[in-house]
Amino acid sequence: MLEARKNMTRITNLVWKLRIWKDTKGQDLIEYALMAGFVAVAAGAIMPGVATSISTIFSKISSVMTAASTQS
């Protein structure tokens, strides 16, 4: 039991040293992407003419992402 506790303490210390729980580098990017998506949806709902353009843009983004994922 004591050995398991020591191992758990070592693992916990390693996780904190690697800063796995504190890493927030991608958080801002995700927040901006969510905000851009919300603005696009809101603009599409308010101005129906813009909805077609937004749909075209998202379709192009989707095809580029799909092509990028198949190239790796």
N, C-alpha and C. Protein backbone atom coordinates (compact mmCIF):
# COMPACT_ATOMS: atom_id res chain seq x y z
N MET A 1 0.83 -1.20 0.00
CA MET A 1 0.00 0.00 0.00
C MET A 1 0.86 1.26 0.00
N LEU A 2 1.93 1.22 0.76
CA LEU A 2 2.81 2.37 0.85
C LEU A 2 3.52 2.62 -0.49
N GLU A 3 3.88 1.52 -1.17
CA GLU A 3 4.53 1.65 -2.47
C GLU A 3 3.58 2.26 -3.51
N ALA A 4 2.31 1.89 -3.48
CA ALA A 4 1.32 2.45 -4.40
C ALA A 4 1.15 3.93 -4.15
N ARG A 5 1.15 4.33 -2.90
CA ARG A 5 1.01 5.75 -2.56
C ARG A 5 2.22 6.54 -3.05
N LYS A 6 3.42 5.96 -2.91
CA LYS A 6 4.63 6.64 -3.40
C LYS A 6 4.58 6.79 -4.92
N ASN A 7 4.13 5.75 -5.60
CA ASN A 7 4.03 5.82 -7.06
C ASN A 7 3.02 6.87 -7.49
N MET A 8 1.91 6.93 -6.78
CA MET A 8 0.88 7.93 -7.11
C MET A 8 1.42 9.34 -6.89
N THR A 9 2.18 9.53 -5.84
CA THR A 9 2.78 10.83 -5.56
C THR A 9 3.77 11.21 -6.66
N ARG A 10 4.55 10.24 -7.11
CA ARG A 10 5.51 10.49 -8.20
C ARG A 10 4.78 10.89 -9.48
N ILE A 11 3.72 10.18 -9.79
CA ILE A 11 2.95 10.49 -11.00
C ILE A 11 2.34 11.88 -10.89
N THR A 12 1.77 12.19 -9.75
CA THR A 12 1.17 13.51 -9.54
C THR A 12 2.21 14.61 -9.69
N ASN A 13 3.37 14.42 -9.11
CA ASN A 13 4.44 15.42 -9.23
C ASN A 13 4.88 15.59 -10.68
N LEU A 14 4.96 14.48 -11.41
CA LEU A 14 5.36 14.54 -12.81
C LEU A 14 4.33 15.31 -13.63
N VAL A 15 3.05 15.06 -13.38
CA VAL A 15 1.99 15.76 -14.11
C VAL A 15 2.09 17.26 -13.86
N TRP A 16 2.30 17.66 -12.62
CA TRP A 16 2.39 19.09 -12.30
C TRP A 16 3.66 19.71 -12.87
N LYS A 17 4.76 18.94 -12.90
CA LYS A 17 5.99 19.47 -13.49
C LYS A 17 5.83 19.68 -14.99
N LEU A 18 5.12 18.79 -15.64
CA LEU A 18 4.90 18.92 -17.08
C LEU A 18 3.83 19.96 -17.39
N ARG A 19 3.15 20.42 -16.37
CA ARG A 19 2.12 21.45 -16.50
C ARG A 19 0.99 21.03 -17.43
N ILE A 20 0.65 19.77 -17.40
CA ILE A 20 -0.42 19.27 -18.24
C ILE A 20 -1.74 19.93 -17.87
N TRP A 21 -1.98 20.11 -16.59
CA TRP A 21 -3.25 20.68 -16.14
C TRP A 21 -3.28 22.20 -16.30
N LYS A 22 -2.11 22.83 -16.38
CA LYS A 22 -2.05 24.29 -16.44
C LYS A 22 -1.92 24.82 -17.86
N ASP A 23 -1.79 23.93 -18.84
CA ASP A 23 -1.58 24.36 -20.22
C ASP A 23 -2.86 24.94 -20.80
N THR A 24 -2.84 26.24 -21.11
CA THR A 24 -4.02 26.90 -21.67
C THR A 24 -3.68 27.62 -22.97
N LYS A 25 -2.64 27.18 -23.67
CA LYS A 25 -2.19 27.87 -24.87
C LYS A 25 -3.24 27.87 -25.97
N GLY A 26 -3.97 26.79 -26.14
CA GLY A 26 -4.96 26.71 -27.20
C GLY A 26 -6.32 27.25 -26.82
N GLN A 27 -6.48 27.63 -25.58
CA GLN A 27 -7.79 28.08 -25.09
C GLN A 27 -8.26 29.33 -25.82
N ASP A 28 -7.40 30.31 -26.00
CA ASP A 28 -7.79 31.56 -26.67
C ASP A 28 -8.23 31.30 -28.10
N LEU A 29 -7.49 30.45 -28.80
CA LEU A 29 -7.82 30.14 -30.19
C LEU A 29 -9.20 29.49 -30.28
N ILE A 30 -9.49 28.59 -29.38
CA ILE A 30 -10.80 27.94 -29.38
C ILE A 30 -11.90 28.95 -29.08
N GLU A 31 -11.66 29.83 -28.14
CA GLU A 31 -12.67 30.83 -27.81
C GLU A 31 -12.95 31.76 -28.99
N TYR A 32 -11.91 32.18 -29.70
CA TYR A 32 -12.10 33.03 -30.87
C TYR A 32 -12.83 32.29 -31.98
N ALA A 33 -12.52 31.02 -32.17
CA ALA A 33 -13.21 30.23 -33.19
C ALA A 33 -14.69 30.07 -32.86
N LEU A 34 -15.00 29.83 -31.59
CA LEU A 34 -16.40 29.73 -31.18
C LEU A 34 -17.13 31.06 -31.37
N MET A 35 -16.47 32.14 -31.05
CA MET A 35 -17.08 33.46 -31.22
C MET A 35 -17.32 33.76 -32.70
N ALA A 36 -16.36 33.43 -33.55
CA ALA A 36 -16.53 33.65 -34.99
C ALA A 36 -17.69 32.82 -35.53
N GLY A 37 -17.81 31.59 -35.06
CA GLY A 37 -18.93 30.75 -35.47
C GLY A 37 -20.26 31.31 -35.02
N PHE A 38 -20.30 31.82 -33.80
CA PHE A 38 -21.54 32.41 -33.28
C PHE A 38 -21.93 33.65 -34.09
N VAL A 39 -20.95 34.48 -34.40
CA VAL A 39 -21.24 35.68 -35.19
C VAL A 39 -21.75 35.29 -36.58
N ALA A 40 -21.16 34.26 -37.17
CA ALA A 40 -21.59 33.82 -38.49
C ALA A 40 -23.03 33.30 -38.45
N VAL A 41 -23.35 32.52 -37.43
CA VAL A 41 -24.72 31.99 -37.31
C VAL A 41 -25.71 33.11 -37.06
N ALA A 42 -25.34 34.06 -36.20
CA ALA A 42 -26.22 35.19 -35.90
C ALA A 42 -26.43 36.04 -37.15
N ALA A 43 -25.37 36.28 -37.90
CA ALA A 43 -25.51 37.08 -39.12
C ALA A 43 -26.39 36.37 -40.13
N GLY A 44 -26.26 35.06 -40.22
CA GLY A 44 -27.10 34.29 -41.13
C GLY A 44 -28.56 34.31 -40.73
N ALA A 45 -28.81 34.34 -39.43
CA ALA A 45 -30.20 34.37 -38.96
C ALA A 45 -30.82 35.75 -39.18
N ILE A 46 -30.02 36.80 -39.02
CA ILE A 46 -30.53 38.17 -39.15
C ILE A 46 -30.70 38.58 -40.61
N MET A 47 -29.72 38.20 -41.42
CA MET A 47 -29.74 38.60 -42.84
C MET A 47 -29.75 37.34 -43.71
N PRO A 48 -30.91 36.93 -44.18
CA PRO A 48 -30.99 35.68 -44.95
C PRO A 48 -30.12 35.67 -46.20
N GLY A 49 -29.87 36.80 -46.81
CA GLY A 49 -29.01 36.85 -47.99
C GLY A 49 -27.57 36.47 -47.69
N VAL A 50 -27.15 36.72 -46.47
CA VAL A 50 -25.79 36.41 -46.06
C VAL A 50 -25.64 34.91 -45.78
N ALA A 51 -26.74 34.26 -45.46
CA ALA A 51 -26.70 32.84 -45.10
C ALA A 51 -26.09 31.99 -46.20
N THR A 52 -26.38 32.30 -47.44
CA THR A 52 -25.83 31.54 -48.55
C THR A 52 -24.31 31.70 -48.63
N SER A 53 -23.84 32.92 -48.44
CA SER A 53 -22.40 33.18 -48.47
C SER A 53 -21.70 32.47 -47.33
N ILE A 54 -22.30 32.50 -46.15
CA ILE A 54 -21.71 31.84 -44.99
C ILE A 54 -21.66 30.33 -45.23
N SER A 55 -22.71 29.79 -45.79
CA SER A 55 -22.74 28.35 -46.08
C SER A 55 -21.64 27.98 -47.06
N THR A 56 -21.43 28.80 -48.06
CA THR A 56 -20.37 28.55 -49.04
C THR A 56 -18.99 28.58 -48.38
N ILE A 57 -18.78 29.54 -47.50
CA ILE A 57 -17.49 29.66 -46.81
C ILE A 57 -17.24 28.42 -45.95
N PHE A 58 -18.25 27.99 -45.18
CA PHE A 58 -18.08 26.82 -44.33
C PHE A 58 -17.87 25.56 -45.17
N SER A 59 -18.50 25.48 -46.32
CA SER A 59 -18.29 24.32 -47.21
C SER A 59 -16.85 24.29 -47.72
N LYS A 60 -16.31 25.45 -48.08
CA LYS A 60 -14.93 25.52 -48.54
C LYS A 60 -13.96 25.13 -47.42
N ILE A 61 -14.23 25.63 -46.22
CA ILE A 61 -13.38 25.29 -45.07
C ILE A 61 -13.41 23.79 -44.82
N SER A 62 -14.60 23.22 -44.89
CA SER A 62 -14.74 21.78 -44.68
C SER A 62 -13.97 20.97 -45.71
N SER A 63 -14.04 21.38 -46.98
CA SER A 63 -13.32 20.64 -48.02
C SER A 63 -11.81 20.77 -47.86
N VAL A 64 -11.34 21.94 -47.45
CA VAL A 64 -9.90 22.14 -47.22
C VAL A 64 -9.43 21.29 -46.04
N MET A 65 -10.21 21.25 -44.98
CA MET A 65 -9.86 20.44 -43.81
C MET A 65 -9.85 18.95 -44.15
N THR A 66 -10.81 18.52 -44.94
CA THR A 66 -10.87 17.12 -45.35
C THR A 66 -9.66 16.77 -46.21
N ALA A 67 -9.32 17.65 -47.14
CA ALA A 67 -8.16 17.41 -48.00
C ALA A 67 -6.87 17.38 -47.18
N ALA A 68 -6.77 18.25 -46.19
CA ALA A 68 -5.57 18.29 -45.35
C ALA A 68 -5.44 17.02 -44.50
N SER A 69 -6.57 16.50 -44.04
CA SER A 69 -6.51 15.32 -43.19
C SER A 69 -6.16 14.06 -43.99
N THR A 70 -6.49 14.04 -45.27
CA THR A 70 -6.18 12.86 -46.08
C THR A 70 -4.74 12.89 -46.60
N GLN A 71 -4.10 14.06 -46.58
CA GLN A 71 -2.73 14.15 -47.09
C GLN A 71 -1.70 13.67 -46.08
N SER A 72 -2.04 13.65 -44.81
CA SER A 72 -1.07 13.22 -43.82
C SER A 72 -1.01 11.73 -43.78
